[in-house]
All heavy atoms as atom14 arrays in JSON, in Angstrom:
{
  "sequence": "SSTVSQAGNLLESLGQRPPSCDQAAGRFLGISFAGWNVVAAALLTL",
  "atom14_mask": [
    [1, 1, 1, 1, 1, 1, 0, 0, 0, 0, 0, 0, 0, 0],
    [1, 1, 1, 1, 1, 1, 0, 0, 0, 0, 0, 0, 0, 0],
    [1, 1, 1, 1, 1, 1, 1, 0, 0, 0, 0, 0, 0, 0],
    [1, 1, 1, 1, 1, 1, 1, 0, 0, 0, 0, 0, 0, 0],
    [1, 1, 1, 1, 1, 1, 0, 0, 0, 0, 0, 0, 0, 0],
    [1, 1, 1, 1, 1, 1, 1, 1, 1, 0, 0, 0, 0, 0],
    [1, 1, 1, 1, 1, 0, 0, 0, 0, 0, 0, 0, 0, 0],
    [1, 1, 1, 1, 0, 0, 0, 0, 0, 0, 0, 0, 0, 0],
    [1, 1, 1, 1, 1, 1, 1, 1, 0, 0, 0, 0, 0, 0],
    [1, 1, 1, 1, 1, 1, 1, 1, 0, 0, 0, 0, 0, 0],
    [1, 1, 1, 1, 1, 1, 1, 1, 0, 0, 0, 0, 0, 0],
    [1, 1, 1, 1, 1, 1, 1, 1, 1, 0, 0, 0, 0, 0],
    [1, 1, 1, 1, 1, 1, 0, 0, 0, 0, 0, 0, 0, 0],
    [1, 1, 1, 1, 1, 1, 1, 1, 0, 0, 0, 0, 0, 0],
    [1, 1, 1, 1, 0, 0, 0, 0, 0, 0, 0, 0, 0, 0],
    [1, 1, 1, 1, 1, 1, 1, 1, 1, 0, 0, 0, 0, 0],
    [1, 1, 1, 1, 1, 1, 1, 1, 1, 1, 1, 0, 0, 0],
    [1, 1, 1, 1, 1, 1, 1, 0, 0, 0, 0, 0, 0, 0],
    [1, 1, 1, 1, 1, 1, 1, 0, 0, 0, 0, 0, 0, 0],
    [1, 1, 1, 1, 1, 1, 0, 0, 0, 0, 0, 0, 0, 0],
    [1, 1, 1, 1, 1, 1, 0, 0, 0, 0, 0, 0, 0, 0],
    [1, 1, 1, 1, 1, 1, 1, 1, 0, 0, 0, 0, 0, 0],
    [1, 1, 1, 1, 1, 1, 1, 1, 1, 0, 0, 0, 0, 0],
    [1, 1, 1, 1, 1, 0, 0, 0, 0, 0, 0, 0, 0, 0],
    [1, 1, 1, 1, 1, 0, 0, 0, 0, 0, 0, 0, 0, 0],
    [1, 1, 1, 1, 0, 0, 0, 0, 0, 0, 0, 0, 0, 0],
    [1, 1, 1, 1, 1, 1, 1, 1, 1, 1, 1, 0, 0, 0],
    [1, 1, 1, 1, 1, 1, 1, 1, 1, 1, 1, 0, 0, 0],
    [1, 1, 1, 1, 1, 1, 1, 1, 0, 0, 0, 0, 0, 0],
    [1, 1, 1, 1, 0, 0, 0, 0, 0, 0, 0, 0, 0, 0],
    [1, 1, 1, 1, 1, 1, 1, 1, 0, 0, 0, 0, 0, 0],
    [1, 1, 1, 1, 1, 1, 0, 0, 0, 0, 0, 0, 0, 0],
    [1, 1, 1, 1, 1, 1, 1, 1, 1, 1, 1, 0, 0, 0],
    [1, 1, 1, 1, 1, 0, 0, 0, 0, 0, 0, 0, 0, 0],
    [1, 1, 1, 1, 0, 0, 0, 0, 0, 0, 0, 0, 0, 0],
    [1, 1, 1, 1, 1, 1, 1, 1, 1, 1, 1, 1, 1, 1],
    [1, 1, 1, 1, 1, 1, 1, 1, 0, 0, 0, 0, 0, 0],
    [1, 1, 1, 1, 1, 1, 1, 0, 0, 0, 0, 0, 0, 0],
    [1, 1, 1, 1, 1, 1, 1, 0, 0, 0, 0, 0, 0, 0],
    [1, 1, 1, 1, 1, 0, 0, 0, 0, 0, 0, 0, 0, 0],
    [1, 1, 1, 1, 1, 0, 0, 0, 0, 0, 0, 0, 0, 0],
    [1, 1, 1, 1, 1, 0, 0, 0, 0, 0, 0, 0, 0, 0],
    [1, 1, 1, 1, 1, 1, 1, 1, 0, 0, 0, 0, 0, 0],
    [1, 1, 1, 1, 1, 1, 1, 1, 0, 0, 0, 0, 0, 0],
    [1, 1, 1, 1, 1, 1, 1, 0, 0, 0, 0, 0, 0, 0],
    [1, 1, 1, 1, 1, 1, 1, 1, 0, 0, 0, 0, 0, 0]
  ],
  "atom14_positions": [
    [[86.07, -4.15, -20.78], [87.45, -3.82, -20.61], [88.32, -4.92, -21.15], [87.87, -5.96, -21.46], [87.87, -3.62, -19.15], [87.84, -4.78, -18.41], [0.0, 0.0, 0.0], [0.0, 0.0, 0.0], [0.0, 0.0, 0.0], [0.0, 0.0, 0.0], [0.0, 0.0, 0.0], [0.0, 0.0, 0.0], [0.0, 0.0, 0.0], [0.0, 0.0, 0.0]],
    [[89.62, -4.62, -21.24], [90.52, -5.68, -21.77], [90.6, -6.87, -20.77], [90.79, -8.01, -21.19], [91.92, -5.14, -21.93], [92.51, -4.63, -20.77], [0.0, 0.0, 0.0], [0.0, 0.0, 0.0], [0.0, 0.0, 0.0], [0.0, 0.0, 0.0], [0.0, 0.0, 0.0], [0.0, 0.0, 0.0], [0.0, 0.0, 0.0], [0.0, 0.0, 0.0]],
    [[90.44, -6.64, -19.42], [90.44, -7.71, -18.55], [89.26, -8.55, -18.79], [89.44, -9.82, -18.74], [90.36, -7.1, -17.1], [91.4, -6.22, -16.87], [90.49, -8.24, -16.08], [0.0, 0.0, 0.0], [0.0, 0.0, 0.0], [0.0, 0.0, 0.0], [0.0, 0.0, 0.0], [0.0, 0.0, 0.0], [0.0, 0.0, 0.0], [0.0, 0.0, 0.0]],
    [[88.13, -8.04, -18.99], [86.95, -8.87, -19.27], [87.17, -9.68, -20.51], [86.86, -10.87, -20.54], [85.65, -8.04, -19.43], [84.45, -8.86, -19.93], [85.34, -7.42, -18.06], [0.0, 0.0, 0.0], [0.0, 0.0, 0.0], [0.0, 0.0, 0.0], [0.0, 0.0, 0.0], [0.0, 0.0, 0.0], [0.0, 0.0, 0.0], [0.0, 0.0, 0.0]],
    [[87.75, -9.07, -21.58], [87.94, -9.8, -22.79], [88.97, -10.92, -22.56], [88.82, -12.07, -23.11], [88.5, -8.81, -23.87], [88.83, -9.47, -25.04], [0.0, 0.0, 0.0], [0.0, 0.0, 0.0], [0.0, 0.0, 0.0], [0.0, 0.0, 0.0], [0.0, 0.0, 0.0], [0.0, 0.0, 0.0], [0.0, 0.0, 0.0], [0.0, 0.0, 0.0]],
    [[89.99, -10.71, -21.83], [90.97, -11.69, -21.56], [90.44, -12.85, -20.79], [90.62, -14.04, -20.97], [92.18, -11.11, -20.77], [92.99, -10.12, -21.58], [94.03, -9.39, -20.75], [94.03, -9.53, -19.53], [94.75, -8.47, -21.36], [0.0, 0.0, 0.0], [0.0, 0.0, 0.0], [0.0, 0.0, 0.0], [0.0, 0.0, 0.0], [0.0, 0.0, 0.0]],
    [[89.52, -12.52, -19.81], [88.9, -13.54, -18.98], [88.01, -14.48, -19.88], [88.02, -15.66, -19.73], [88.12, -13.0, -17.85], [0.0, 0.0, 0.0], [0.0, 0.0, 0.0], [0.0, 0.0, 0.0], [0.0, 0.0, 0.0], [0.0, 0.0, 0.0], [0.0, 0.0, 0.0], [0.0, 0.0, 0.0], [0.0, 0.0, 0.0], [0.0, 0.0, 0.0]],
    [[87.23, -13.83, -20.71], [86.38, -14.58, -21.61], [87.24, -15.44, -22.55], [86.89, -16.61, -22.77], [0.0, 0.0, 0.0], [0.0, 0.0, 0.0], [0.0, 0.0, 0.0], [0.0, 0.0, 0.0], [0.0, 0.0, 0.0], [0.0, 0.0, 0.0], [0.0, 0.0, 0.0], [0.0, 0.0, 0.0], [0.0, 0.0, 0.0], [0.0, 0.0, 0.0]],
    [[88.31, -14.98, -23.02], [89.17, -15.74, -23.97], [89.83, -16.87, -23.29], [89.99, -17.92, -23.8], [90.33, -14.81, -24.56], [89.73, -13.78, -25.54], [88.6, -13.95, -26.06], [90.49, -12.78, -25.81], [0.0, 0.0, 0.0], [0.0, 0.0, 0.0], [0.0, 0.0, 0.0], [0.0, 0.0, 0.0], [0.0, 0.0, 0.0], [0.0, 0.0, 0.0]],
    [[90.18, -16.66, -22.0], [90.76, -17.77, -21.17], [89.79, -18.92, -21.0], [90.09, -20.07, -21.23], [91.23, -17.25, -19.77], [91.72, -18.35, -18.81], [93.02, -18.94, -19.4], [92.05, -17.75, -17.51], [0.0, 0.0, 0.0], [0.0, 0.0, 0.0], [0.0, 0.0, 0.0], [0.0, 0.0, 0.0], [0.0, 0.0, 0.0], [0.0, 0.0, 0.0]],
    [[88.55, -18.54, -20.65], [87.5, -19.64, -20.51], [87.25, -20.37, -21.76], [87.21, -21.59, -21.8], [86.18, -18.96, -19.94], [86.14, -18.67, -18.5], [84.88, -17.95, -18.15], [86.32, -19.93, -17.66], [0.0, 0.0, 0.0], [0.0, 0.0, 0.0], [0.0, 0.0, 0.0], [0.0, 0.0, 0.0], [0.0, 0.0, 0.0], [0.0, 0.0, 0.0]],
    [[87.22, -19.61, -22.88], [87.01, -20.23, -24.19], [88.1, -21.15, -24.51], [87.88, -22.26, -25.16], [86.72, -19.17, -25.29], [85.37, -18.45, -25.14], [85.22, -17.48, -26.09], [85.95, -17.34, -27.12], [84.21, -16.63, -26.01], [0.0, 0.0, 0.0], [0.0, 0.0, 0.0], [0.0, 0.0, 0.0], [0.0, 0.0, 0.0], [0.0, 0.0, 0.0]],
    [[89.42, -20.75, -24.22], [90.52, -21.61, -24.57], [90.44, -22.86, -23.73], [91.11, -23.9, -24.06], [91.82, -20.87, -24.3], [92.04, -20.62, -22.98], [0.0, 0.0, 0.0], [0.0, 0.0, 0.0], [0.0, 0.0, 0.0], [0.0, 0.0, 0.0], [0.0, 0.0, 0.0], [0.0, 0.0, 0.0], [0.0, 0.0, 0.0], [0.0, 0.0, 0.0]],
    [[89.84, -22.89, -22.55], [89.66, -24.07, -21.76], [88.56, -24.93, -22.12], [88.23, -25.93, -21.51], [89.58, -23.65, -20.3], [90.76, -22.96, -19.57], [90.33, -22.51, -18.22], [91.96, -23.86, -19.57], [0.0, 0.0, 0.0], [0.0, 0.0, 0.0], [0.0, 0.0, 0.0], [0.0, 0.0, 0.0], [0.0, 0.0, 0.0], [0.0, 0.0, 0.0]],
    [[87.89, -24.58, -23.22], [86.76, -25.34, -23.73], [85.46, -24.94, -23.09], [84.5, -25.74, -23.26], [0.0, 0.0, 0.0], [0.0, 0.0, 0.0], [0.0, 0.0, 0.0], [0.0, 0.0, 0.0], [0.0, 0.0, 0.0], [0.0, 0.0, 0.0], [0.0, 0.0, 0.0], [0.0, 0.0, 0.0], [0.0, 0.0, 0.0], [0.0, 0.0, 0.0]],
    [[85.36, -23.96, -22.33], [84.12, -23.5, -21.73], [83.75, -22.15, -22.29], [84.53, -21.23, -22.3], [84.33, -23.36, -20.13], [84.51, -24.64, -19.48], [84.62, -24.46, -18.03], [85.14, -23.45, -17.55], [84.2, -25.44, -17.2], [0.0, 0.0, 0.0], [0.0, 0.0, 0.0], [0.0, 0.0, 0.0], [0.0, 0.0, 0.0], [0.0, 0.0, 0.0]],
    [[82.55, -22.03, -22.74], [81.97, -20.79, -23.11], [81.45, -20.07, -21.94], [80.5, -20.63, -21.24], [80.85, -20.98, -24.17], [80.14, -19.73, -24.63], [80.88, -19.13, -25.83], [80.14, -18.01, -26.38], [80.64, -16.77, -26.41], [81.86, -16.64, -26.11], [79.89, -15.84, -26.83], [0.0, 0.0, 0.0], [0.0, 0.0, 0.0], [0.0, 0.0, 0.0]],
    [[82.0, -18.93, -21.58], [81.48, -18.24, -20.43], [80.02, -17.85, -20.57], [79.61, -17.49, -21.71], [82.34, -17.01, -20.24], [82.92, -16.81, -21.66], [83.04, -18.15, -22.25], [0.0, 0.0, 0.0], [0.0, 0.0, 0.0], [0.0, 0.0, 0.0], [0.0, 0.0, 0.0], [0.0, 0.0, 0.0], [0.0, 0.0, 0.0], [0.0, 0.0, 0.0]],
    [[79.23, -17.93, -19.5], [77.82, -17.56, -19.56], [77.66, -16.05, -19.86], [78.66, -15.18, -19.61], [77.31, -17.88, -18.23], [78.4, -17.91, -17.31], [79.58, -18.33, -18.19], [0.0, 0.0, 0.0], [0.0, 0.0, 0.0], [0.0, 0.0, 0.0], [0.0, 0.0, 0.0], [0.0, 0.0, 0.0], [0.0, 0.0, 0.0], [0.0, 0.0, 0.0]],
    [[76.54, -15.59, -20.24], [76.25, -14.22, -20.52], [76.17, -13.43, -19.17], [75.75, -13.99, -18.18], [74.91, -14.1, -21.22], [74.51, -12.75, -21.4], [0.0, 0.0, 0.0], [0.0, 0.0, 0.0], [0.0, 0.0, 0.0], [0.0, 0.0, 0.0], [0.0, 0.0, 0.0], [0.0, 0.0, 0.0], [0.0, 0.0, 0.0], [0.0, 0.0, 0.0]],
    [[76.66, -12.27, -19.23], [76.72, -11.4, -18.0], [75.35, -11.01, -17.57], [75.2, -10.55, -16.34], [77.59, -10.15, -18.24], [79.36, -10.51, -18.48], [0.0, 0.0, 0.0], [0.0, 0.0, 0.0], [0.0, 0.0, 0.0], [0.0, 0.0, 0.0], [0.0, 0.0, 0.0], [0.0, 0.0, 0.0], [0.0, 0.0, 0.0], [0.0, 0.0, 0.0]],
    [[74.33, -11.06, -18.4], [73.02, -10.58, -18.01], [72.17, -11.68, -17.41], [71.0, -11.53, -17.09], [72.35, -10.0, -19.28], [72.06, -10.93, -20.42], [72.48, -12.07, -20.27], [71.53, -10.44, -21.36], [0.0, 0.0, 0.0], [0.0, 0.0, 0.0], [0.0, 0.0, 0.0], [0.0, 0.0, 0.0], [0.0, 0.0, 0.0], [0.0, 0.0, 0.0]],
    [[72.74, -12.98, -17.26], [72.1, -14.03, -16.67], [72.75, -14.34, -15.32], [73.82, -14.81, -15.35], [72.01, -15.2, -17.57], [71.4, -15.03, -18.91], [69.91, -14.72, -18.72], [69.23, -15.4, -17.91], [69.35, -13.8, -19.42], [0.0, 0.0, 0.0], [0.0, 0.0, 0.0], [0.0, 0.0, 0.0], [0.0, 0.0, 0.0], [0.0, 0.0, 0.0]],
    [[72.1, -14.17, -14.21], [72.59, -14.53, -12.93], [72.72, -16.12, -12.83], [71.78, -16.77, -13.14], [71.82, -13.99, -11.78], [0.0, 0.0, 0.0], [0.0, 0.0, 0.0], [0.0, 0.0, 0.0], [0.0, 0.0, 0.0], [0.0, 0.0, 0.0], [0.0, 0.0, 0.0], [0.0, 0.0, 0.0], [0.0, 0.0, 0.0], [0.0, 0.0, 0.0]],
    [[73.93, -16.56, -12.49], [74.09, -18.02, -12.31], [73.2, -18.64, -11.24], [72.72, -19.79, -11.29], [75.56, -18.34, -11.98], [0.0, 0.0, 0.0], [0.0, 0.0, 0.0], [0.0, 0.0, 0.0], [0.0, 0.0, 0.0], [0.0, 0.0, 0.0], [0.0, 0.0, 0.0], [0.0, 0.0, 0.0], [0.0, 0.0, 0.0], [0.0, 0.0, 0.0]],
    [[72.87, -17.85, -10.25], [71.99, -18.23, -9.12], [71.62, -17.05, -8.22], [72.42, -16.05, -8.28], [0.0, 0.0, 0.0], [0.0, 0.0, 0.0], [0.0, 0.0, 0.0], [0.0, 0.0, 0.0], [0.0, 0.0, 0.0], [0.0, 0.0, 0.0], [0.0, 0.0, 0.0], [0.0, 0.0, 0.0], [0.0, 0.0, 0.0], [0.0, 0.0, 0.0]],
    [[70.59, -17.16, -7.53], [70.16, -16.14, -6.59], [69.9, -16.81, -5.2], [69.35, -17.82, -5.18], [68.96, -15.49, -7.04], [69.1, -14.62, -8.32], [67.94, -13.72, -8.56], [68.05, -13.13, -9.88], [68.79, -12.01, -10.21], [69.42, -11.41, -9.17], [68.88, -11.55, -11.4], [0.0, 0.0, 0.0], [0.0, 0.0, 0.0], [0.0, 0.0, 0.0]],
    [[70.5, -16.19, -4.19], [70.32, -16.64, -2.88], [69.73, -15.47, -2.07], [70.32, -14.43, -2.03], [71.59, -17.15, -2.25], [72.28, -18.21, -3.12], [73.18, -17.94, -4.08], [71.91, -19.52, -2.9], [73.76, -18.93, -4.82], [72.37, -20.54, -3.66], [73.27, -20.26, -4.61], [0.0, 0.0, 0.0], [0.0, 0.0, 0.0], [0.0, 0.0, 0.0]],
    [[68.59, -15.76, -1.43], [67.8, -14.74, -0.78], [67.5, -13.55, -1.69], [67.44, -12.39, -1.29], [68.53, -14.19, 0.48], [68.91, -15.26, 1.55], [69.7, -14.59, 2.6], [67.66, -15.87, 2.09], [0.0, 0.0, 0.0], [0.0, 0.0, 0.0], [0.0, 0.0, 0.0], [0.0, 0.0, 0.0], [0.0, 0.0, 0.0], [0.0, 0.0, 0.0]],
    [[67.32, -13.87, -3.03], [66.93, -13.0, -4.04], [68.11, -12.09, -4.52], [67.94, -11.17, -5.31], [0.0, 0.0, 0.0], [0.0, 0.0, 0.0], [0.0, 0.0, 0.0], [0.0, 0.0, 0.0], [0.0, 0.0, 0.0], [0.0, 0.0, 0.0], [0.0, 0.0, 0.0], [0.0, 0.0, 0.0], [0.0, 0.0, 0.0], [0.0, 0.0, 0.0]],
    [[69.25, -12.44, -4.1], [70.46, -11.64, -4.49], [71.45, -12.55, -5.27], [71.73, -13.67, -4.9], [71.24, -11.13, -3.32], [70.28, -10.16, -2.47], [72.44, -10.24, -3.7], [70.84, -9.65, -1.17], [0.0, 0.0, 0.0], [0.0, 0.0, 0.0], [0.0, 0.0, 0.0], [0.0, 0.0, 0.0], [0.0, 0.0, 0.0], [0.0, 0.0, 0.0]],
    [[71.96, -12.08, -6.43], [72.87, -12.8, -7.26], [74.3, -12.78, -6.63], [74.59, -12.06, -5.7], [72.87, -12.2, -8.65], [73.51, -10.91, -8.65], [0.0, 0.0, 0.0], [0.0, 0.0, 0.0], [0.0, 0.0, 0.0], [0.0, 0.0, 0.0], [0.0, 0.0, 0.0], [0.0, 0.0, 0.0], [0.0, 0.0, 0.0], [0.0, 0.0, 0.0]],
    [[75.17, -13.61, -7.22], [76.56, -13.58, -6.83], [77.17, -12.12, -6.89], [77.91, -11.69, -6.02], [77.42, -14.5, -7.7], [77.08, -15.96, -7.35], [76.89, -16.73, -8.42], [77.02, -16.5, -6.08], [76.52, -18.12, -8.26], [76.8, -17.87, -5.86], [76.5, -18.66, -6.94], [0.0, 0.0, 0.0], [0.0, 0.0, 0.0], [0.0, 0.0, 0.0]],
    [[76.84, -11.42, -7.96], [77.32, -10.02, -8.11], [76.81, -9.21, -7.01], [77.55, -8.31, -6.52], [76.9, -9.53, -9.47], [0.0, 0.0, 0.0], [0.0, 0.0, 0.0], [0.0, 0.0, 0.0], [0.0, 0.0, 0.0], [0.0, 0.0, 0.0], [0.0, 0.0, 0.0], [0.0, 0.0, 0.0], [0.0, 0.0, 0.0], [0.0, 0.0, 0.0]],
    [[75.53, -9.36, -6.67], [74.99, -8.61, -5.57], [75.56, -8.85, -4.2], [75.86, -8.0, -3.47], [0.0, 0.0, 0.0], [0.0, 0.0, 0.0], [0.0, 0.0, 0.0], [0.0, 0.0, 0.0], [0.0, 0.0, 0.0], [0.0, 0.0, 0.0], [0.0, 0.0, 0.0], [0.0, 0.0, 0.0], [0.0, 0.0, 0.0], [0.0, 0.0, 0.0]],
    [[75.9, -10.16, -3.96], [76.57, -10.53, -2.76], [78.01, -9.9, -2.68], [78.51, -9.69, -1.57], [76.59, -12.04, -2.51], [75.33, -12.64, -2.1], [74.36, -13.43, -2.76], [74.64, -12.27, -0.82], [73.22, -13.6, -1.95], [73.33, -12.99, -0.82], [75.0, -11.55, 0.31], [72.53, -12.98, 0.33], [74.18, -11.54, 1.42], [72.89, -12.19, 1.42]],
    [[78.62, -9.88, -3.91], [79.91, -9.21, -3.92], [79.81, -7.77, -3.44], [80.66, -7.25, -2.68], [80.48, -9.26, -5.29], [81.84, -8.53, -5.39], [82.73, -8.83, -4.63], [81.89, -7.61, -6.27], [0.0, 0.0, 0.0], [0.0, 0.0, 0.0], [0.0, 0.0, 0.0], [0.0, 0.0, 0.0], [0.0, 0.0, 0.0], [0.0, 0.0, 0.0]],
    [[78.72, -7.07, -3.85], [78.51, -5.73, -3.43], [78.35, -5.63, -1.88], [78.99, -4.79, -1.27], [77.29, -5.09, -4.1], [76.92, -3.72, -3.56], [77.42, -4.99, -5.67], [0.0, 0.0, 0.0], [0.0, 0.0, 0.0], [0.0, 0.0, 0.0], [0.0, 0.0, 0.0], [0.0, 0.0, 0.0], [0.0, 0.0, 0.0], [0.0, 0.0, 0.0]],
    [[77.6, -6.57, -1.36], [77.45, -6.55, 0.13], [78.77, -6.75, 0.81], [79.22, -6.02, 1.72], [76.45, -7.58, 0.5], [76.36, -7.81, 2.04], [75.08, -7.32, -0.02], [0.0, 0.0, 0.0], [0.0, 0.0, 0.0], [0.0, 0.0, 0.0], [0.0, 0.0, 0.0], [0.0, 0.0, 0.0], [0.0, 0.0, 0.0], [0.0, 0.0, 0.0]],
    [[79.46, -7.78, 0.45], [80.81, -8.11, 0.99], [81.81, -6.9, 0.86], [82.48, -6.52, 1.8], [81.4, -9.42, 0.45], [0.0, 0.0, 0.0], [0.0, 0.0, 0.0], [0.0, 0.0, 0.0], [0.0, 0.0, 0.0], [0.0, 0.0, 0.0], [0.0, 0.0, 0.0], [0.0, 0.0, 0.0], [0.0, 0.0, 0.0], [0.0, 0.0, 0.0]],
    [[81.83, -6.44, -0.4], [82.81, -5.3, -0.63], [82.41, -4.04, 0.18], [83.37, -3.37, 0.61], [82.87, -4.96, -2.14], [0.0, 0.0, 0.0], [0.0, 0.0, 0.0], [0.0, 0.0, 0.0], [0.0, 0.0, 0.0], [0.0, 0.0, 0.0], [0.0, 0.0, 0.0], [0.0, 0.0, 0.0], [0.0, 0.0, 0.0], [0.0, 0.0, 0.0]],
    [[81.12, -3.82, 0.38], [80.73, -2.66, 1.2], [81.21, -2.82, 2.65], [81.7, -1.84, 3.23], [79.22, -2.48, 1.1], [0.0, 0.0, 0.0], [0.0, 0.0, 0.0], [0.0, 0.0, 0.0], [0.0, 0.0, 0.0], [0.0, 0.0, 0.0], [0.0, 0.0, 0.0], [0.0, 0.0, 0.0], [0.0, 0.0, 0.0], [0.0, 0.0, 0.0]],
    [[81.04, -4.02, 3.19], [81.45, -4.22, 4.61], [82.97, -4.09, 4.68], [83.54, -3.51, 5.65], [81.0, -5.6, 4.99], [79.49, -5.78, 5.2], [79.12, -7.31, 5.45], [79.07, -4.87, 6.3], [0.0, 0.0, 0.0], [0.0, 0.0, 0.0], [0.0, 0.0, 0.0], [0.0, 0.0, 0.0], [0.0, 0.0, 0.0], [0.0, 0.0, 0.0]],
    [[83.7, -4.69, 3.73], [85.15, -4.59, 3.72], [85.71, -3.19, 3.48], [86.61, -2.71, 4.05], [85.74, -5.59, 2.71], [85.66, -7.01, 3.07], [85.86, -7.93, 1.86], [86.48, -7.42, 4.18], [0.0, 0.0, 0.0], [0.0, 0.0, 0.0], [0.0, 0.0, 0.0], [0.0, 0.0, 0.0], [0.0, 0.0, 0.0], [0.0, 0.0, 0.0]],
    [[84.92, -2.37, 2.67], [85.19, -1.0, 2.5], [85.13, -0.25, 3.72], [86.0, 0.6, 4.16], [84.28, -0.31, 1.41], [84.57, -0.97, 0.13], [84.62, 1.12, 1.27], [0.0, 0.0, 0.0], [0.0, 0.0, 0.0], [0.0, 0.0, 0.0], [0.0, 0.0, 0.0], [0.0, 0.0, 0.0], [0.0, 0.0, 0.0], [0.0, 0.0, 0.0]],
    [[84.04, -0.48, 4.53], [83.8, 0.19, 5.83], [85.0, -0.12, 6.79], [85.43, 0.69, 7.48], [82.44, -0.22, 6.39], [81.19, 0.39, 5.74], [79.95, -0.18, 6.27], [81.2, 1.88, 5.76], [0.0, 0.0, 0.0], [0.0, 0.0, 0.0], [0.0, 0.0, 0.0], [0.0, 0.0, 0.0], [0.0, 0.0, 0.0], [0.0, 0.0, 0.0]]
  ]
}
């Protein structure tokens, strides 16, 4: 989306190349940050 493109461009303008979306920055209890967002968002949705 345009938001993703803008976010990537912002990071690049700050001198940081954003990591690839297919590589999890880290996993905690086998779940990535994106996965933990799903858990938190599900609870907040409820």
